[in-house]
Amino acid sequence: MEAIVTMYRDFMKGTDPRIAEYPLMQSPFLMMGILLGYVYFVLSLGPWLMANRKPLDLKKFMVVYNFFLVGLSLYIVYEFLMAGWLTGYTWRCDPVDFSQDPKALRMVRVSWLFVFSKFIELTDTVIFVLRKKNEQITFLHLFHHSVLPWSWWWGAKFGPGGMGSFHAMVNSMVHVVMYSYYGLSAAGPACQKYLWWKKHITAVQLAQFVIVSIHISQYYFMPSCQYQYPIFIHLIWIYGTIFFILFSNFWYHSYTKGKRLPKGAHYPAPLQHNGSSLHENSAVTNGKVKTN
């Protein structure tokens, strides 16, 4: 046991001390405890508590929640741009700046804020449970909301910034679009006329995976690339490839194959969120988007 503790301490010596002062970042155990508690609540405790209760009416909360995340995502995008991506980064093989420069510290702060936002988004699934929409909690939804925050935590803990932060900025851009749609959807029938662009959410998702994968692939083709943490490059590329395949399959079944099938044909969505009309059913009908 002592050897394991020593290995852990030696491993954690490589983390960035500048981010240690932020909430959730002192050690991985609190973070992992939250994620394990989240999975337990979603799969066991929550459904048990709601078994003999009526679904909660959370539509007003959902409107506020979704538009709060729109504002938060916009702020995160702005901070990423001002912390490096528009103020010095080359958009190529940018290393992590470990200095005390104000821009470098700003990048640390927004990297933490991005990670923290992933824990806020666990509320997506809690809403499903409280509304007794358990059929919408797919494996991929649970994977996205639990495993990815875990990996992003390690990324920010060791290397907050550099080319590894590009995917976080792009993801936040996509979330501005997505949570805007979910907020309008949760607002009810009065906003339905503003939701003509639902099909394009999946296109935006696919574009995200392509852009991120192309950007991160520079590491493999630039001999001079000296990004400090190759493991994060590999993970980002793997995630981008896997999700591109999954969402391409979703696009095919929803918008291509679905057009040739009888009206009312249903296909499971890879991931789902918490908008109103968007989440009233557990399947995708006529191309209705339920992705993250």
Protein backbone atom coordinates (compact mmCIF):
# COMPACT_ATOMS: atom_id res chain seq x y z
CA MET A 1 0.00 0.00 0.00
CA GLU A 2 2.82 2.38 0.85
CA ALA A 3 4.32 1.80 -2.59
CA ILE A 4 0.99 2.67 -4.25
CA VAL A 5 0.73 5.87 -2.22
CA THR A 6 4.29 6.79 -3.18
CA MET A 7 3.56 6.16 -6.88
CA TYR A 8 0.43 8.29 -6.68
CA ARG A 9 2.29 11.17 -5.04
CA ASP A 10 5.09 10.99 -7.60
CA PHE A 11 2.55 10.95 -10.41
CA MET A 12 0.69 13.98 -9.05
CA LYS A 13 3.93 15.97 -8.83
CA GLY A 14 3.64 16.41 -12.59
CA THR A 15 0.36 18.34 -12.33
CA ASP A 16 0.11 22.08 -12.88
CA PRO A 17 0.25 23.83 -9.48
CA ARG A 18 -1.52 26.90 -10.88
CA ILE A 19 -4.86 25.08 -11.12
CA ALA A 20 -4.71 23.37 -7.73
CA GLU A 21 -6.41 26.31 -6.00
CA TYR A 22 -9.61 25.94 -8.03
CA PRO A 23 -12.63 23.97 -6.77
CA LEU A 24 -12.57 20.22 -7.57
CA MET A 25 -8.92 20.39 -8.63
CA GLN A 26 -7.06 19.60 -5.40
CA SER A 27 -7.20 15.83 -5.95
CA PRO A 28 -9.01 13.44 -8.29
CA PHE A 29 -10.94 11.73 -5.50
CA LEU A 30 -13.65 14.37 -5.10
CA MET A 31 -14.12 14.48 -8.85
CA MET A 32 -14.37 10.70 -9.09
CA GLY A 33 -16.70 10.59 -6.08
CA ILE A 34 -19.08 13.03 -7.80
CA LEU A 35 -19.06 11.02 -11.03
CA LEU A 36 -19.58 7.71 -9.24
CA GLY A 37 -22.40 9.26 -7.22
CA TYR A 38 -23.90 10.58 -10.45
CA VAL A 39 -23.86 7.13 -12.07
CA TYR A 40 -25.33 5.54 -8.93
CA PHE A 41 -28.11 8.12 -8.76
CA VAL A 42 -28.96 7.79 -12.44
CA LEU A 43 -28.94 4.01 -12.59
CA SER A 44 -30.22 3.07 -9.14
CA LEU A 45 -31.09 5.64 -6.48
CA GLY A 46 -32.96 8.10 -8.70
CA PRO A 47 -35.28 5.59 -10.40
CA TRP A 48 -35.94 3.98 -7.01
CA LEU A 49 -36.88 7.32 -5.44
CA MET A 50 -39.17 8.19 -8.36
CA ALA A 51 -40.73 4.74 -8.72
CA ASN A 52 -43.92 5.61 -6.83
CA ARG A 53 -43.93 9.33 -7.52
CA LYS A 54 -45.32 11.37 -10.37
CA PRO A 55 -42.85 12.94 -12.82
CA LEU A 56 -41.78 16.40 -11.73
CA ASP A 57 -42.78 19.37 -13.86
CA LEU A 58 -39.42 21.03 -14.52
CA LYS A 59 -40.15 22.95 -17.71
CA LYS A 60 -39.58 26.40 -16.20
CA PHE A 61 -36.37 25.21 -14.59
CA MET A 62 -35.29 23.67 -17.89
CA VAL A 63 -35.69 26.98 -19.71
CA VAL A 64 -33.57 28.81 -17.14
CA TYR A 65 -31.03 25.98 -16.97
CA ASN A 66 -30.56 25.72 -20.73
CA PHE A 67 -30.19 29.44 -21.30
CA PHE A 68 -27.81 29.68 -18.34
CA LEU A 69 -25.61 27.15 -20.13
CA VAL A 70 -25.89 29.17 -23.34
CA GLY A 71 -24.49 32.19 -21.50
CA LEU A 72 -21.81 30.15 -19.74
CA SER A 73 -20.72 28.52 -22.99
CA LEU A 74 -20.49 31.91 -24.71
CA TYR A 75 -18.33 33.22 -21.89
CA ILE A 76 -16.05 30.15 -22.07
CA VAL A 77 -15.59 30.62 -25.82
CA TYR A 78 -14.72 34.28 -25.32
CA GLU A 79 -12.20 33.47 -22.59
CA PHE A 80 -10.52 30.78 -24.69
CA LEU A 81 -10.18 33.25 -27.55
CA MET A 82 -8.78 36.02 -25.38
CA ALA A 83 -6.50 33.69 -23.39
CA GLY A 84 -4.64 32.51 -26.45
CA TRP A 85 -6.54 31.50 -29.54
CA LEU A 86 -6.88 35.10 -30.78
CA THR A 87 -4.03 36.60 -28.79
CA GLY A 88 -0.92 34.66 -29.65
CA TYR A 89 -1.67 31.05 -30.53
CA THR A 90 -0.69 29.90 -34.01
CA TRP A 91 -3.66 27.50 -34.36
CA ARG A 92 -1.10 24.79 -35.04
CA CYS A 93 1.08 22.95 -32.53
CA ASP A 94 0.72 25.37 -29.63
CA PRO A 95 2.41 24.21 -26.41
CA VAL A 96 1.08 24.78 -22.92
CA ASP A 97 2.39 28.00 -21.39
CA PHE A 98 3.28 27.20 -17.77
CA SER A 99 4.40 30.74 -16.93
CA GLN A 100 2.79 33.31 -14.65
CA ASP A 101 1.97 35.52 -17.63
CA PRO A 102 -1.56 37.00 -17.29
CA LYS A 103 -2.70 35.31 -20.51
CA ALA A 104 -1.36 31.96 -19.37
CA LEU A 105 -3.18 32.33 -16.06
CA ARG A 106 -6.32 33.31 -17.94
CA MET A 107 -6.04 30.09 -19.94
CA VAL A 108 -5.73 28.11 -16.70
CA ARG A 109 -8.88 29.79 -15.39
CA VAL A 110 -10.99 29.12 -18.48
CA SER A 111 -9.70 25.54 -18.69
CA TRP A 112 -10.96 25.01 -15.17
CA LEU A 113 -14.27 26.71 -15.99
CA PHE A 114 -14.73 24.38 -18.95
CA VAL A 115 -14.16 21.34 -16.72
CA PHE A 116 -16.52 22.75 -14.08
CA SER A 117 -19.21 23.27 -16.73
CA LYS A 118 -19.09 19.55 -17.48
CA PHE A 119 -20.11 18.84 -13.90
CA ILE A 120 -22.94 21.35 -14.16
CA GLU A 121 -24.15 19.48 -17.25
CA LEU A 122 -24.64 16.34 -15.19
CA THR A 123 -27.95 18.03 -14.39
CA ASP A 124 -29.09 17.00 -17.89
CA THR A 125 -29.45 13.41 -16.75
CA VAL A 126 -30.83 14.29 -13.33
CA ILE A 127 -33.66 16.05 -15.15
CA PHE A 128 -34.38 12.86 -17.08
CA VAL A 129 -34.62 10.89 -13.84
CA LEU A 130 -36.84 13.41 -12.06
CA ARG A 131 -39.14 13.59 -15.08
CA LYS A 132 -39.15 9.76 -15.25
CA LYS A 133 -37.67 9.77 -18.75
CA ASN A 134 -35.33 6.92 -17.91
CA GLU A 135 -35.65 5.39 -21.37
CA GLN A 136 -33.69 8.38 -22.67
CA ILE A 137 -30.64 7.58 -20.58
CA THR A 138 -28.72 5.62 -23.18
CA PHE A 139 -25.28 4.11 -22.74
CA LEU A 140 -23.73 6.84 -24.88
CA HIS A 141 -25.46 9.58 -22.94
CA LEU A 142 -24.11 8.18 -19.68
CA PHE A 143 -20.67 7.65 -21.22
CA HIS A 144 -20.49 11.21 -22.45
CA HIS A 145 -21.56 12.74 -19.15
CA SER A 146 -19.35 10.62 -16.90
CA VAL A 147 -16.22 9.44 -18.71
CA LEU A 148 -15.46 12.57 -20.71
CA PRO A 149 -15.54 14.94 -17.70
CA TRP A 150 -13.14 12.54 -16.02
CA SER A 151 -10.66 12.76 -18.92
CA TRP A 152 -11.09 16.53 -19.26
CA TRP A 153 -10.28 16.89 -15.55
CA TRP A 154 -6.91 15.22 -16.08
CA GLY A 155 -6.25 17.34 -19.14
CA ALA A 156 -6.78 20.57 -17.21
CA LYS A 157 -4.88 19.23 -14.20
CA PHE A 158 -1.72 18.53 -16.20
CA GLY A 159 -1.87 20.79 -19.25
CA PRO A 160 -4.41 23.65 -19.16
CA GLY A 161 -3.93 25.27 -22.54
CA GLY A 162 -2.06 24.75 -25.77
CA MET A 163 -3.38 22.81 -28.74
CA GLY A 164 -5.18 20.42 -26.39
CA SER A 165 -7.59 23.20 -25.43
CA PHE A 166 -8.82 23.71 -29.00
CA HIS A 167 -11.40 20.94 -28.75
CA ALA A 168 -12.77 22.46 -25.53
CA MET A 169 -13.28 25.81 -27.23
CA VAL A 170 -15.00 24.22 -30.23
CA ASN A 171 -17.16 22.08 -27.95
CA SER A 172 -18.28 25.20 -26.10
CA MET A 173 -19.20 26.84 -29.42
CA VAL A 174 -21.35 23.84 -30.27
CA HIS A 175 -23.00 23.98 -26.85
CA VAL A 176 -24.08 27.56 -27.50
CA VAL A 177 -26.06 26.28 -30.48
CA MET A 178 -27.35 23.16 -28.78
CA TYR A 179 -28.50 24.66 -25.50
CA SER A 180 -30.14 27.52 -27.41
CA TYR A 181 -32.22 24.91 -29.20
CA TYR A 182 -33.00 23.02 -26.01
CA GLY A 183 -33.98 26.22 -24.21
CA LEU A 184 -36.36 27.25 -26.99
CA SER A 185 -37.73 23.71 -27.15
CA ALA A 186 -38.39 23.69 -23.41
CA ALA A 187 -40.16 27.05 -23.67
CA GLY A 188 -43.17 25.38 -25.27
CA PRO A 189 -45.31 25.67 -28.44
CA ALA A 190 -44.85 29.44 -28.74
CA CYS A 191 -41.22 28.90 -29.71
CA GLN A 192 -41.69 25.95 -32.06
CA LYS A 193 -41.60 28.19 -35.14
CA TYR A 194 -38.04 29.13 -34.22
CA LEU A 195 -36.84 25.52 -34.24
CA TRP A 196 -36.65 24.97 -38.00
CA TRP A 197 -32.90 24.41 -37.71
CA LYS A 198 -33.06 21.27 -35.56
CA LYS A 199 -31.60 19.10 -38.35
CA HIS A 200 -28.53 21.30 -38.54
CA ILE A 201 -27.55 20.54 -34.94
CA THR A 202 -26.30 17.13 -36.04
CA ALA A 203 -24.42 18.75 -38.93
CA VAL A 204 -22.76 21.12 -36.46
CA GLN A 205 -21.79 18.13 -34.32
CA LEU A 206 -20.25 16.31 -37.26
CA ALA A 207 -18.36 19.45 -38.27
CA GLN A 208 -17.06 19.70 -34.71
CA PHE A 209 -15.57 16.21 -34.79
CA VAL A 210 -13.98 16.77 -38.21
CA ILE A 211 -12.45 20.13 -37.26
CA VAL A 212 -11.12 18.89 -33.92
CA SER A 213 -9.69 15.70 -35.43
CA ILE A 214 -7.97 17.57 -38.26
CA HIS A 215 -6.51 20.13 -35.87
CA ILE A 216 -5.22 17.56 -33.40
CA SER A 217 -3.80 15.39 -36.22
CA GLN A 218 -1.13 18.03 -36.81
CA TYR A 219 0.76 16.44 -33.96
CA TYR A 220 1.26 13.28 -36.02
CA PHE A 221 2.46 15.05 -39.18
CA MET A 222 4.62 17.84 -37.75
CA PRO A 223 8.03 16.51 -36.64
CA SER A 224 8.68 19.81 -34.89
CA CYS A 225 5.54 19.55 -32.72
CA GLN A 226 6.62 19.52 -29.09
CA TYR A 227 3.27 19.48 -27.32
CA GLN A 228 4.01 18.32 -23.79
CA TYR A 229 1.25 15.71 -23.29
CA PRO A 230 0.84 13.34 -26.28
CA ILE A 231 -1.59 11.14 -24.32
CA PHE A 232 -4.21 13.91 -24.46
CA ILE A 233 -3.68 14.27 -28.20
CA HIS A 234 -4.35 10.57 -28.65
CA LEU A 235 -7.49 10.69 -26.49
CA ILE A 236 -8.91 13.71 -28.31
CA TRP A 237 -8.32 12.05 -31.69
CA ILE A 238 -9.89 8.78 -30.51
CA TYR A 239 -12.95 10.55 -29.08
CA GLY A 240 -13.36 12.63 -32.23
CA THR A 241 -13.19 9.58 -34.48
CA ILE A 242 -15.55 7.46 -32.39
CA PHE A 243 -18.19 10.15 -32.08
CA PHE A 244 -17.95 11.07 -35.76
CA ILE A 245 -18.80 7.47 -36.63
CA LEU A 246 -21.67 7.34 -34.14
CA PHE A 247 -23.20 10.62 -35.25
CA SER A 248 -22.75 9.76 -38.94
CA ASN A 249 -24.75 6.62 -38.27
CA PHE A 250 -27.38 8.73 -36.50
CA TRP A 251 -27.50 11.15 -39.42
CA TYR A 252 -27.94 8.28 -41.90
CA HIS A 253 -30.80 6.67 -40.01
CA SER A 254 -32.54 9.95 -39.17
CA TYR A 255 -32.20 12.02 -42.34
CA THR A 256 -31.35 9.63 -45.17
CA LYS A 257 -32.75 6.18 -44.52
CA GLY A 258 -35.64 7.60 -42.50
CA LYS A 259 -37.00 9.45 -45.53
CA ARG A 260 -37.57 6.15 -47.30
CA LEU A 261 -39.41 4.50 -44.41
CA PRO A 262 -43.06 4.80 -43.37
CA LYS A 263 -44.09 7.83 -41.41
CA GLY A 264 -43.59 7.33 -37.70
CA ALA A 265 -40.47 5.17 -37.95
CA HIS A 266 -38.28 5.55 -34.89
CA TYR A 267 -34.54 5.47 -34.40
CA PRO A 268 -32.58 5.76 -31.19
CA ALA A 269 -30.52 8.91 -30.81
CA PRO A 270 -26.88 8.53 -29.75
CA LEU A 271 -27.12 11.14 -27.01
CA GLN A 272 -29.93 13.21 -25.59
CA HIS A 273 -30.52 16.42 -23.71
CA ASN A 274 -33.37 17.97 -21.82
CA GLY A 275 -35.41 20.20 -24.08
CA SER A 276 -39.20 19.96 -23.93
CA SER A 277 -40.48 18.79 -27.30
CA LEU A 278 -37.00 17.45 -27.96
CA HIS A 279 -37.24 15.03 -25.08
CA GLU A 280 -40.88 14.14 -24.71
CA ASN A 281 -40.19 10.88 -26.57
CA SER A 282 -37.38 8.39 -26.19
CA ALA A 283 -36.84 8.00 -29.93
CA VAL A 284 -36.13 10.25 -32.87
CA THR A 285 -39.08 10.78 -35.16
CA ASN A 286 -38.65 12.28 -38.63
CA GLY A 287 -35.14 13.40 -37.84
CA LYS A 288 -35.72 15.08 -34.49
CA VAL A 289 -32.29 15.73 -32.99
CA LYS A 290 -31.33 14.50 -29.52
CA THR A 291 -27.58 14.80 -29.39
CA ASN A 292 -24.74 16.18 -27.32
